PDB file of N, CA and C in Angstrom:
ATOM      1  N   UNK A   1       0.704  -1.142   0.032  1.00  0.00           N
ATOM      2  CA  UNK A   1      -0.097   0.051   0.059  1.00  0.00           C
ATOM      3  C   UNK A   1       0.917   1.160   0.135  1.00  0.00           C
ATOM      4  N   UNK A   2       2.063   1.268   0.657  1.00  0.00           N
ATOM      5  CA  UNK A   2       2.915   2.525   0.973  1.00  0.00           C
ATOM      6  C   UNK A   2       3.562   2.686  -0.523  1.00  0.00           C
ATOM      7  N   UNK A   3       3.932   1.681  -1.248  1.00  0.00           N
ATOM      8  CA  UNK A   3       4.492   1.843  -2.832  1.00  0.00           C
ATOM      9  C   UNK A   3       3.358   2.574  -3.588  1.00  0.00           C
ATOM     10  N   UNK A   4       2.392   1.884  -3.674  1.00  0.00           N
ATOM     11  CA  UNK A   4       0.895   2.203  -4.453  1.00  0.00           C
ATOM     12  C   UNK A   4       0.780   3.847  -4.235  1.00  0.00           C
ATOM     13  N   UNK A   5       0.488   4.144  -3.246  1.00  0.00           N
ATOM     14  CA  UNK A   5       0.199   5.521  -2.406  1.00  0.00           C
ATOM     15  C   UNK A   5       1.566   6.823  -2.691  1.00  0.00           C
ATOM     16  N   UNK A   6       2.559   6.126  -2.776  1.00  0.00           N
ATOM     17  CA  UNK A   6       3.888   6.725  -3.116  1.00  0.00           C
ATOM     18  C   UNK A   6       4.001   7.247  -4.641  1.00  0.00           C
ATOM     19  N   UNK A   7       3.465   5.770  -5.479  1.00  0.00           N
ATOM     20  CA  UNK A   7       3.070   6.613  -6.816  1.00  0.00           C
ATOM     21  C   UNK A   7       2.006   7.614  -7.117  1.00  0.00           C
ATOM     22  N   UNK A   8       0.939   7.254  -6.336  1.00  0.00           N
ATOM     23  CA  UNK A   8      -0.038   8.425  -6.495  1.00  0.00           C
ATOM     24  C   UNK A   8       0.199   9.891  -6.141  1.00  0.00           C
ATOM     25  N   UNK A   9       1.202   9.836  -5.052  1.00  0.00           N
ATOM     26  CA  UNK A   9       1.907  11.091  -4.645  1.00  0.00           C
ATOM     27  C   UNK A   9       2.751  11.761  -5.995  1.00  0.00           C
ATOM     28  N   UNK A  10       3.056  10.775  -6.428  1.00  0.00           N
ATOM     29  CA  UNK A  10       4.150  11.057  -7.893  1.00  0.00           C
ATOM     30  C   UNK A  10       3.434  11.053  -9.122  1.00  0.00           C
ATOM     31  N   UNK A  11       2.309  11.364  -8.892  1.00  0.00           N
ATOM     32  CA  UNK A  11       1.297  11.192 -10.367  1.00  0.00           C
ATOM     33  C   UNK A  11       1.094  10.094 -11.284  1.00  0.00           C
ATOM     34  N   UNK A  12       1.184   8.973 -10.452  1.00  0.00           N
ATOM     35  CA  UNK A  12       0.869   7.526 -11.084  1.00  0.00           C
ATOM     36  C   UNK A  12      -0.550   7.161 -10.499  1.00  0.00           C
ATOM     37  N   UNK A  13      -1.442   7.019 -11.384  1.00  0.00           N
ATOM     38  CA  UNK A  13      -2.781   6.313 -11.215  1.00  0.00           C
ATOM     39  C   UNK A  13      -2.663   4.694 -10.962  1.00  0.00           C
ATOM     40  N   UNK A  14      -1.622   4.205 -11.501  1.00  0.00           N
ATOM     41  CA  UNK A  14      -1.439   2.773 -11.208  1.00  0.00           C
ATOM     42  C   UNK A  14       0.021   2.544 -11.430  1.00  0.00           C
ATOM     43  N   UNK A  15       0.446   1.632 -10.839  1.00  0.00           N
ATOM     44  CA  UNK A  15       1.886   1.279 -10.664  1.00  0.00           C
ATOM     45  C   UNK A  15       2.225  -0.420 -11.022  1.00  0.00           C
ATOM     46  N   UNK A  16       3.193  -0.561 -11.655  1.00  0.00           N
ATOM     47  CA  UNK A  16       3.497  -2.216 -11.651  1.00  0.00           C
ATOM     48  C   UNK A  16       4.292  -2.153 -10.555  1.00  0.00           C
ATOM     49  N   UNK A  17       4.277  -3.194  -9.747  1.00  0.00           N
ATOM     50  CA  UNK A  17       5.123  -3.534  -8.202  1.00  0.00           C
ATOM     51  C   UNK A  17       4.966  -4.950  -8.310  1.00  0.00           C
ATOM     52  N   UNK A  18       6.321  -5.339  -8.256  1.00  0.00           N
ATOM     53  CA  UNK A  18       6.894  -6.726  -8.222  1.00  0.00           C
ATOM     54  C   UNK A  18       5.737  -7.640  -9.226  1.00  0.00           C
ATOM     55  N   UNK A  19       5.865  -6.956 -10.339  1.00  0.00           N
ATOM     56  CA  UNK A  19       5.253  -7.473 -11.636  1.00  0.00           C
ATOM     57  C   UNK A  19       3.762  -7.852 -11.669  1.00  0.00           C
ATOM     58  N   UNK A  20       3.130  -6.808 -10.756  1.00  0.00           N
ATOM     59  CA  UNK A  20       1.476  -6.842 -10.573  1.00  0.00           C
ATOM     60  C   UNK A  20       1.065  -5.525 -10.763  1.00  0.00           C
ATOM     61  N   UNK A  21       0.322  -5.437 -11.287  1.00  0.00           N
ATOM     62  CA  UNK A  21      -0.207  -4.126 -11.688  1.00  0.00           C
ATOM     63  C   UNK A  21      -1.371  -3.610 -10.399  1.00  0.00           C
ATOM     64  N   UNK A  22      -0.753  -2.365  -9.774  1.00  0.00           N
ATOM     65  CA  UNK A  22      -1.658  -2.082  -8.916  1.00  0.00           C
ATOM     66  C   UNK A  22      -2.214  -0.772  -9.194  1.00  0.00           C
ATOM     67  N   UNK A  23      -3.566  -0.778  -8.996  1.00  0.00           N
ATOM     68  CA  UNK A  23      -4.439   0.714  -9.069  1.00  0.00           C
ATOM     69  C   UNK A  23      -5.232   0.840  -7.977  1.00  0.00           C
ATOM     70  N   UNK A  24      -6.382   1.994  -7.923  1.00  0.00           N
ATOM     71  CA  UNK A  24      -6.943   2.225  -6.626  1.00  0.00           C
ATOM     72  C   UNK A  24      -7.803   1.014  -6.448  1.00  0.00           C
ATOM     73  N   UNK A  25      -8.425   0.046  -7.141  1.00  0.00           N
ATOM     74  CA  UNK A  25      -9.224  -0.768  -6.711  1.00  0.00           C
ATOM     75  C   UNK A  25      -8.210  -1.674  -6.019  1.00  0.00           C
ATOM     76  N   UNK A  26      -7.259  -2.321  -6.168  1.00  0.00           N
ATOM     77  CA  UNK A  26      -6.401  -3.009  -5.294  1.00  0.00           C
ATOM     78  C   UNK A  26      -5.975  -2.328  -4.192  1.00  0.00           C
ATOM     79  N   UNK A  27      -5.525  -1.125  -4.040  1.00  0.00           N
ATOM     80  CA  UNK A  27      -5.373  -0.599  -3.160  1.00  0.00           C
ATOM     81  C   UNK A  27      -6.691  -0.401  -2.093  1.00  0.00           C
ATOM     82  N   UNK A  28      -7.769  -0.334  -2.539  1.00  0.00           N
ATOM     83  CA  UNK A  28      -8.922  -0.431  -1.753  1.00  0.00           C
ATOM     84  C   UNK A  28      -9.371  -1.721  -1.371  1.00  0.00           C
ATOM     85  N   UNK A  29      -9.182  -2.452  -1.877  1.00  0.00           N
ATOM     86  CA  UNK A  29      -9.120  -4.137  -1.499  1.00  0.00           C
ATOM     87  C   UNK A  29      -8.346  -4.310  -0.183  1.00  0.00           C
ATOM     88  N   UNK A  30      -7.026  -4.243  -0.498  1.00  0.00           N
ATOM     89  CA  UNK A  30      -5.692  -4.270   0.597  1.00  0.00           C
ATOM     90  C   UNK A  30      -6.588  -3.582   1.823  1.00  0.00           C
ATOM     91  N   UNK A  31      -6.751  -2.433   1.642  1.00  0.00           N
ATOM     92  CA  UNK A  31      -7.130  -1.569   3.032  1.00  0.00           C
ATOM     93  C   UNK A  31      -8.418  -2.058   3.369  1.00  0.00           C
ATOM     94  N   UNK A  32      -9.574  -2.635   2.908  1.00  0.00           N
ATOM     95  CA  UNK A  32     -10.578  -2.850   3.421  1.00  0.00           C
ATOM     96  C   UNK A  32     -10.338  -4.330   4.058  1.00  0.00           C
ATOM     97  N   UNK A  33      -9.521  -5.057   3.534  1.00  0.00           N
ATOM     98  CA  UNK A  33      -9.293  -6.417   4.053  1.00  0.00           C
ATOM     99  C   UNK A  33      -8.607  -6.462   5.518  1.00  0.00           C
ATOM    100  N   UNK A  34      -7.620  -5.170   5.797  1.00  0.00           N
ATOM    101  CA  UNK A  34      -6.879  -4.913   6.820  1.00  0.00           C
ATOM    102  C   UNK A  34      -7.944  -4.494   7.891  1.00  0.00           C
ATOM    103  N   UNK A  35      -8.725  -3.580   7.307  1.00  0.00           N
ATOM    104  CA  UNK A  35      -9.884  -2.997   8.116  1.00  0.00           C
ATOM    105  C   UNK A  35     -10.919  -4.134   8.623  1.00  0.00           C
ATOM    106  N   UNK A  36     -11.123  -5.202   7.902  1.00  0.00           N
ATOM    107  CA  UNK A  36     -11.994  -6.152   8.180  1.00  0.00           C
ATOM    108  C   UNK A  36     -11.480  -7.045   9.200  1.00  0.00           C
ATOM    109  N   UNK A  37     -10.261  -7.068   9.195  1.00  0.00           N
ATOM    110  CA  UNK A  37      -9.427  -8.193  10.122  1.00  0.00           C
ATOM    111  C   UNK A  37      -9.473  -7.438  11.416  1.00  0.00           C
ATOM    112  N   UNK A  38      -9.406  -5.802  11.132  1.00  0.00           N
ATOM    113  CA  UNK A  38      -9.310  -5.443  12.556  1.00  0.00           C
ATOM    114  C   UNK A  38     -10.702  -5.122  13.317  1.00  0.00           C
ATOM    115  N   UNK A  39     -11.870  -5.149  12.684  1.00  0.00           N
ATOM    116  CA  UNK A  39     -13.132  -5.127  13.109  1.00  0.00           C
ATOM    117  C   UNK A  39     -13.277  -6.366  13.862  1.00  0.00           C
ATOM    118  N   UNK A  40     -13.216  -7.582  12.967  1.00  0.00           N
ATOM    119  CA  UNK A  40     -13.805  -8.671  13.469  1.00  0.00           C
ATOM    120  C   UNK A  40     -12.571  -9.984  14.156  1.00  0.00           C
ATOM    121  N   UNK A  41     -11.386  -9.448  14.338  1.00  0.00           N
ATOM    122  CA  UNK A  41     -10.401 -10.328  15.018  1.00  0.00           C
ATOM    123  C   UNK A  41     -10.455 -10.679  16.228  1.00  0.00           C
ATOM    124  N   UNK A  42     -11.648 -10.249  16.901  1.00  0.00           N
ATOM    125  CA  UNK A  42     -11.907 -10.763  18.390  1.00  0.00           C
ATOM    126  C   UNK A  42     -13.069 -11.851  18.108  1.00  0.00           C
ATOM    127  N   UNK A  43     -13.465 -12.084  16.951  1.00  0.00           N
ATOM    128  CA  UNK A  43     -14.420 -13.072  16.832  1.00  0.00           C
ATOM    129  C   UNK A  43     -14.116 -13.886  15.832  1.00  0.00           C
ATOM    130  N   UNK A  44     -13.196 -13.718  15.092  1.00  0.00           N
ATOM    131  CA  UNK A  44     -12.704 -14.778  13.838  1.00  0.00           C
ATOM    132  C   UNK A  44     -11.467 -14.850  14.123  1.00  0.00           C
ATOM    133  N   UNK A  45     -10.930 -15.888  14.930  1.00  0.00           N
ATOM    134  CA  UNK A  45      -9.303 -16.057  15.121  1.00  0.00           C
ATOM    135  C   UNK A  45      -8.489 -15.996  13.558  1.00  0.00           C
ATOM    136  N   UNK A  46      -7.332 -15.125  13.670  1.00  0.00           N
ATOM    137  CA  UNK A  46      -6.629 -14.895  12.949  1.00  0.00           C
ATOM    138  C   UNK A  46      -5.281 -15.372  13.467  1.00  0.00           C
ATOM    139  N   UNK A  47      -4.476 -16.484  13.020  1.00  0.00           N
ATOM    140  CA  UNK A  47      -3.371 -17.203  13.653  1.00  0.00           C
ATOM    141  C   UNK A  47      -2.368 -16.838  12.847  1.00  0.00           C
ATOM    142  N   UNK A  48      -0.924 -16.593  13.409  1.00  0.00           N
ATOM    143  CA  UNK A  48       0.282 -16.290  13.087  1.00  0.00           C
ATOM    144  C   UNK A  48       0.961 -17.489  12.548  1.00  0.00           C
ATOM    145  N   UNK A  49       1.918 -17.633  12.000  1.00  0.00           N
ATOM    146  CA  UNK A  49       2.950 -18.880  11.483  1.00  0.00           C
ATOM    147  C   UNK A  49       2.996 -19.890  12.565  1.00  0.00           C
ATOM    148  N   UNK A  50       3.045 -19.513  13.852  1.00  0.00           N
ATOM    149  CA  UNK A  50       2.957 -20.363  14.737  1.00  0.00           C
ATOM    150  C   UNK A  50       1.678 -20.900  15.553  1.00  0.00           C
ATOM    151  N   UNK A  51       0.884 -20.269  14.782  1.00  0.00           N
ATOM    152  CA  UNK A  51      -0.707 -20.933  15.339  1.00  0.00           C
ATOM    153  C   UNK A  51      -1.183 -20.171  16.264  1.00  0.00           C
ATOM    154  N   UNK A  52      -0.239 -18.879  16.833  1.00  0.00           N
ATOM    155  CA  UNK A  52      -1.072 -18.307  17.929  1.00  0.00           C
ATOM    156  C   UNK A  52      -2.157 -17.124  17.361  1.00  0.00           C
ATOM    157  N   UNK A  53      -3.054 -16.665  18.129  1.00  0.00           N
ATOM    158  CA  UNK A  53      -4.050 -15.922  17.636  1.00  0.00           C
ATOM    159  C   UNK A  53      -3.188 -14.641  17.684  1.00  0.00           C
ATOM    160  N   UNK A  54      -3.834 -13.629  16.611  1.00  0.00           N
ATOM    161  CA  UNK A  54      -3.244 -12.150  16.581  1.00  0.00           C
ATOM    162  C   UNK A  54      -4.265 -11.220  16.257  1.00  0.00           C
ATOM    163  N   UNK A  55      -4.653 -10.252  17.495  1.00  0.00           N
ATOM    164  CA  UNK A  55      -5.483  -9.415  17.074  1.00  0.00           C
ATOM    165  C   UNK A  55      -4.771  -8.292  16.382  1.00  0.00           C
ATOM    166  N   UNK A  56      -5.707  -7.858  15.469  1.00  0.00           N
ATOM    167  CA  UNK A  56      -5.372  -6.683  14.551  1.00  0.00           C
ATOM    168  C   UNK A  56      -5.840  -5.378  15.288  1.00  0.00           C
ATOM    169  N   UNK A  57      -4.940  -4.913  16.136  1.00  0.00           N
ATOM    170  CA  UNK A  57      -5.442  -3.627  16.493  1.00  0.00           C
ATOM    171  C   UNK A  57      -4.671  -2.613  16.104  1.00  0.00           C
ATOM    172  N   UNK A  58      -5.027  -1.306  16.122  1.00  0.00           N
ATOM    173  CA  UNK A  58      -4.412  -0.187  15.648  1.00  0.00           C
ATOM    174  C   UNK A  58      -2.920   0.037  16.020  1.00  0.00           C
ATOM    175  N   UNK A  59      -2.246  -0.634  16.862  1.00  0.00           N
ATOM    176  CA  UNK A  59      -0.817  -0.536  17.208  1.00  0.00           C
ATOM    177  C   UNK A  59      -0.181  -1.724  16.536  1.00  0.00           C
ATOM    178  N   UNK A  60      -0.750  -2.583  16.342  1.00  0.00           N
ATOM    179  CA  UNK A  60      -0.385  -3.812  15.363  1.00  0.00           C
ATOM    180  C   UNK A  60      -0.061  -3.335  13.970  1.00  0.00           C
ATOM    181  N   UNK A  61      -1.335  -2.597  13.502  1.00  0.00           N
ATOM    182  CA  UNK A  61      -1.234  -1.952  12.005  1.00  0.00           C
ATOM    183  C   UNK A  61      -0.181  -0.894  12.068  1.00  0.00           C
ATOM    184  N   UNK A  62       0.133  -0.382  12.939  1.00  0.00           N
ATOM    185  CA  UNK A  62       1.015   0.912  13.048  1.00  0.00           C
ATOM    186  C   UNK A  62       2.583   0.323  12.947  1.00  0.00           C
ATOM    187  N   UNK A  63       2.653  -0.778  13.558  1.00  0.00           N
ATOM    188  CA  UNK A  63       4.178  -1.620  13.823  1.00  0.00           C
ATOM    189  C   UNK A  63       4.362  -2.249  12.436  1.00  0.00           C
ATOM    190  N   UNK A  64       3.185  -2.798  11.831  1.00  0.00           N
ATOM    191  CA  UNK A  64       3.567  -3.418  10.258  1.00  0.00           C
ATOM    192  C   UNK A  64       3.843  -2.113   9.178  1.00  0.00           C
ATOM    193  N   UNK A  65       3.277  -1.169   9.392  1.00  0.00           N
ATOM    194  CA  UNK A  65       3.435  -0.027   8.731  1.00  0.00           C
ATOM    195  C   UNK A  65       4.854   0.643   9.031  1.00  0.00           C
ATOM    196  N   UNK A  66       5.381   0.630  10.190  1.00  0.00           N
ATOM    197  CA  UNK A  66       6.694   0.881  10.477  1.00  0.00           C
ATOM    198  C   UNK A  66       7.855   0.118   9.827  1.00  0.00           C
ATOM    199  N   UNK A  67       7.501  -1.219   9.934  1.00  0.00           N
ATOM    200  CA  UNK A  67       8.161  -2.331   9.483  1.00  0.00           C
ATOM    201  C   UNK A  67       8.412  -2.153   8.065  1.00  0.00           C
ATOM    202  N   UNK A  68       7.080  -1.996   7.465  1.00  0.00           N
ATOM    203  CA  UNK A  68       7.182  -1.931   5.534  1.00  0.00           C
ATOM    204  C   UNK A  68       7.918  -0.665   5.627  1.00  0.00           C
ATOM    205  N   UNK A  69       7.936   0.351   5.746  1.00  0.00           N
ATOM    206  CA  UNK A  69       8.483   1.505   5.568  1.00  0.00           C
ATOM    207  C   UNK A  69       9.854   1.358   5.702  1.00  0.00           C
ATOM    208  N   UNK A  70      10.416   0.878   6.911  1.00  0.00           N
ATOM    209  CA  UNK A  70      11.640   0.704   6.954  1.00  0.00           C
ATOM    210  C   UNK A  70      12.547  -0.219   5.811  1.00  0.00           C
ATOM    211  N   UNK A  71      11.756  -1.465   5.511  1.00  0.00           N
ATOM    212  CA  UNK A  71      12.107  -2.071   3.935  1.00  0.00           C
ATOM    213  C   UNK A  71      12.396  -1.095   3.062  1.00  0.00           C
ATOM    214  N   UNK A  72      11.266  -0.300   2.823  1.00  0.00           N
ATOM    215  CA  UNK A  72      11.338   0.468   1.501  1.00  0.00           C
ATOM    216  C   UNK A  72      12.536   1.304   1.353  1.00  0.00           C
ATOM    217  N   UNK A  73      12.555   2.045   2.683  1.00  0.00           N
ATOM    218  CA  UNK A  73      13.856   3.101   2.518  1.00  0.00           C
ATOM    219  C   UNK A  73      14.986   2.399   2.778  1.00  0.00           C
ATOM    220  N   UNK A  74      15.262   1.147   3.202  1.00  0.00           N
ATOM    221  CA  UNK A  74      16.425   0.550   2.888  1.00  0.00           C
ATOM    222  C   UNK A  74      16.830   0.186   1.767  1.00  0.00           C
ATOM    223  N   UNK A  75      15.852   0.381   0.606  1.00  0.00           N
ATOM    224  CA  UNK A  75      15.887  -0.323  -0.682  1.00  0.00           C
ATOM    225  C   UNK A  75      15.785   0.923  -1.700  1.00  0.00           C
ATOM    226  N   UNK A  76      16.258   2.055  -1.359  1.00  0.00           N
ATOM    227  CA  UNK A  76      15.715   3.113  -2.491  1.00  0.00           C
ATOM    228  C   UNK A  76      15.668   2.942  -4.013  1.00  0.00           C
ATOM    229  N   UNK A  77      16.626   2.054  -4.497  1.00  0.00           N
ATOM    230  CA  UNK A  77      16.471   1.824  -5.948  1.00  0.00           C
ATOM    231  C   UNK A  77      15.225   1.219  -6.366  1.00  0.00           C
ATOM    232  N   UNK A  78      14.937   0.659  -5.452  1.00  0.00           N
ATOM    233  CA  UNK A  78      13.532  -0.056  -6.180  1.00  0.00           C
ATOM    234  C   UNK A  78      12.463   0.523  -6.757  1.00  0.00           C
ATOM    235  N   UNK A  79      12.060   1.885  -6.111  1.00  0.00           N
ATOM    236  CA  UNK A  79      10.926   2.776  -6.545  1.00  0.00           C
ATOM    237  C   UNK A  79      11.337   4.069  -6.328  1.00  0.00           C
ATOM    238  N   UNK A  80      10.897   4.841  -7.294  1.00  0.00           N
ATOM    239  CA  UNK A  80      11.025   6.305  -7.542  1.00  0.00           C
ATOM    240  C   UNK A  80      10.524   7.069  -6.180  1.00  0.00           C
ATOM    241  N   UNK A  81      11.085   7.983  -5.768  1.00  0.00           N
ATOM    242  CA  UNK A  81      10.432   8.493  -4.749  1.00  0.00           C
ATOM    243  C   UNK A  81      11.294   9.229  -3.810  1.00  0.00           C
ATOM    244  N   UNK A  82      11.294  10.341  -3.035  1.00  0.00           N
ATOM    245  CA  UNK A  82      11.973  10.572  -1.723  1.00  0.00           C
ATOM    246  C   UNK A  82      11.965  10.060  -0.397  1.00  0.00           C
ATOM    247  N   UNK A  83      12.334   9.947   0.543  1.00  0.00           N
ATOM    248  CA  UNK A  83      12.017   9.318   1.674  1.00  0.00           C
ATOM    249  C   UNK A  83      10.842  10.034   2.476  1.00  0.00           C
ATOM    250  N   UNK A  84      10.846  11.491   2.242  1.00  0.00           N
ATOM    251  CA  UNK A  84       9.766  12.263   2.425  1.00  0.00           C
ATOM    252  C   UNK A  84       8.240  11.682   1.837  1.00  0.00           C
ATOM    253  N   UNK A  85       8.379  11.362   0.672  1.00  0.00           N
ATOM    254  CA  UNK A  85       7.129  11.113  -0.093  1.00  0.00           C
ATOM    255  C   UNK A  85       6.733   9.617   0.323  1.00  0.00           C
ATOM    256  N   UNK A  86       7.641   8.663   0.765  1.00  0.00           N
ATOM    257  CA  UNK A  86       7.385   7.337   1.217  1.00  0.00           C
ATOM    258  C   UNK A  86       6.960   7.646   2.497  1.00  0.00           C
ATOM    259  N   UNK A  87       7.111   8.438   3.468  1.00  0.00           N
ATOM    260  CA  UNK A  87       6.893   8.343   4.700  1.00  0.00           C
ATOM    261  C   UNK A  87       5.222   9.328   4.594  1.00  0.00           C
ATOM    262  N   UNK A  88       5.132  10.377   3.939  1.00  0.00           N
ATOM    263  CA  UNK A  88       3.683  10.730   3.525  1.00  0.00           C
ATOM    264  C   UNK A  88       2.659   9.600   3.207  1.00  0.00           C
ATOM    265  N   UNK A  89       3.330   8.855   1.953  1.00  0.00           N
ATOM    266  CA  UNK A  89       2.404   7.523   1.552  1.00  0.00           C
ATOM    267  C   UNK A  89       2.177   6.673   2.779  1.00  0.00           C
ATOM    268  N   UNK A  90       2.822   6.265   3.555  1.00  0.00           N
ATOM    269  CA  UNK A  90       2.847   5.551   4.990  1.00  0.00           C
ATOM    270  C   UNK A  90       1.653   6.466   5.739  1.00  0.00           C
ATOM    271  N   UNK A  91       1.739   7.386   5.752  1.00  0.00           N
ATOM    272  CA  UNK A  91       0.711   8.131   7.029  1.00  0.00           C
ATOM    273  C   UNK A  91      -0.642   8.027   6.220  1.00  0.00           C
ATOM    274  N   UNK A  92      -0.728   8.281   5.077  1.00  0.00           N
ATOM    275  CA  UNK A  92      -1.788   8.403   4.343  1.00  0.00           C
ATOM    276  C   UNK A  92      -2.679   6.982   4.575  1.00  0.00           C
ATOM    277  N   UNK A  93      -1.831   6.059   3.891  1.00  0.00           N
ATOM    278  CA  UNK A  93      -2.268   4.637   3.801  1.00  0.00           C
ATOM    279  C   UNK A  93      -2.497   3.985   5.144  1.00  0.00           C
ATOM    280  N   UNK A  94      -1.796   4.378   6.214  1.00  0.00           N
ATOM    281  CA  UNK A  94      -2.273   3.815   7.614  1.00  0.00           C
ATOM    282  C   UNK A  94      -3.518   4.539   8.166  1.00  0.00           C
ATOM    283  N   UNK A  95      -3.456   5.953   7.730  1.00  0.00           N
ATOM    284  CA  UNK A  95      -4.889   6.574   8.562  1.00  0.00           C
ATOM    285  C   UNK A  95      -6.000   6.069   7.605  1.00  0.00           C
ATOM    286  N   UNK A  96      -5.999   5.838   6.540  1.00  0.00           N
ATOM    287  CA  UNK A  96      -7.286   5.145   5.643  1.00  0.00           C
ATOM    288  C   UNK A  96      -7.518   3.638   6.209  1.00  0.00           C
ATOM    289  N   UNK A  97      -6.450   2.925   6.709  1.00  0.00           N
ATOM    290  CA  UNK A  97      -6.893   1.549   7.268  1.00  0.00           C
ATOM    291  C   UNK A  97      -7.376   1.752   8.345  1.00  0.00           C
ATOM    292  N   UNK A  98      -6.796   2.208   9.353  1.00  0.00           N
ATOM    293  CA  UNK A  98      -7.459   2.405  10.686  1.00  0.00           C
ATOM    294  C   UNK A  98      -8.758   3.144  10.708  1.00  0.00           C
ATOM    295  N   UNK A  99      -8.807   4.380   9.978  1.00  0.00           N
ATOM    296  CA  UNK A  99     -10.279   5.389   9.950  1.00  0.00           C
ATOM    297  C   UNK A  99     -11.208   4.416   9.025  1.00  0.00           C
ATOM    298  N   UNK A 100     -10.871   3.015   8.181  1.00  0.00           N
ATOM    299  CA  UNK A 100     -11.483   2.253   7.402  1.00  0.00           C
ATOM    300  C   UNK A 100     -12.277   2.966   6.505  1.00  0.00           C
ATOM    301  N   UNK A 101     -11.346   3.890   5.870  1.00  0.00           N
ATOM    302  CA  UNK A 101     -11.961   4.943   4.708  1.00  0.00           C
ATOM    303  C   UNK A 101     -11.893   4.116   3.265  1.00  0.00           C
ATOM    304  N   UNK A 102     -12.992   3.916   2.676  1.00  0.00           N
ATOM    305  CA  UNK A 102     -13.335   3.084   1.419  1.00  0.00           C
ATOM    306  C   UNK A 102     -12.691   4.085   0.198  1.00  0.00           C
ATOM    307  N   UNK A 103     -12.933   5.493   0.157  1.00  0.00           N
ATOM    308  CA  UNK A 103     -12.548   6.306  -0.791  1.00  0.00           C
ATOM    309  C   UNK A 103     -11.478   7.428  -0.452  1.00  0.00           C
ATOM    310  N   UNK A 104     -10.321   7.018  -1.084  1.00  0.00           N
ATOM    311  CA  UNK A 104      -9.396   7.788  -0.516  1.00  0.00           C
ATOM    312  C   UNK A 104      -9.091   9.373  -1.052  1.00  0.00           C
ATOM    313  N   UNK A 105     -10.339   9.641  -2.039  1.00  0.00           N
ATOM    314  CA  UNK A 105     -10.172  11.029  -2.623  1.00  0.00           C
ATOM    315  C   UNK A 105     -11.304  11.806  -1.749  1.00  0.00           C
TER     316      UNK A 105
END
């Protein structure tokens, strides 16, 4: 989501990321899937690789976005953009997930 949103901030409506075309619809699906996990994780068990239940809290979402941004910034040649636009893309993406925003515009 961060890499797609970075593309949007740099004027792209769609981006080829890791061999897959990502656009607004893909971004919306990802955001809503995570928002649904947040909403229902107390009732529907989501397990980690060890089989332990994971509650999808806003704190967990922040941690995941932090980790993803760190990976992106560690490999600057992968995507065009500045650290500032990636940080802004991360901020926007996380806010949309946590606030369960369907339409980013």
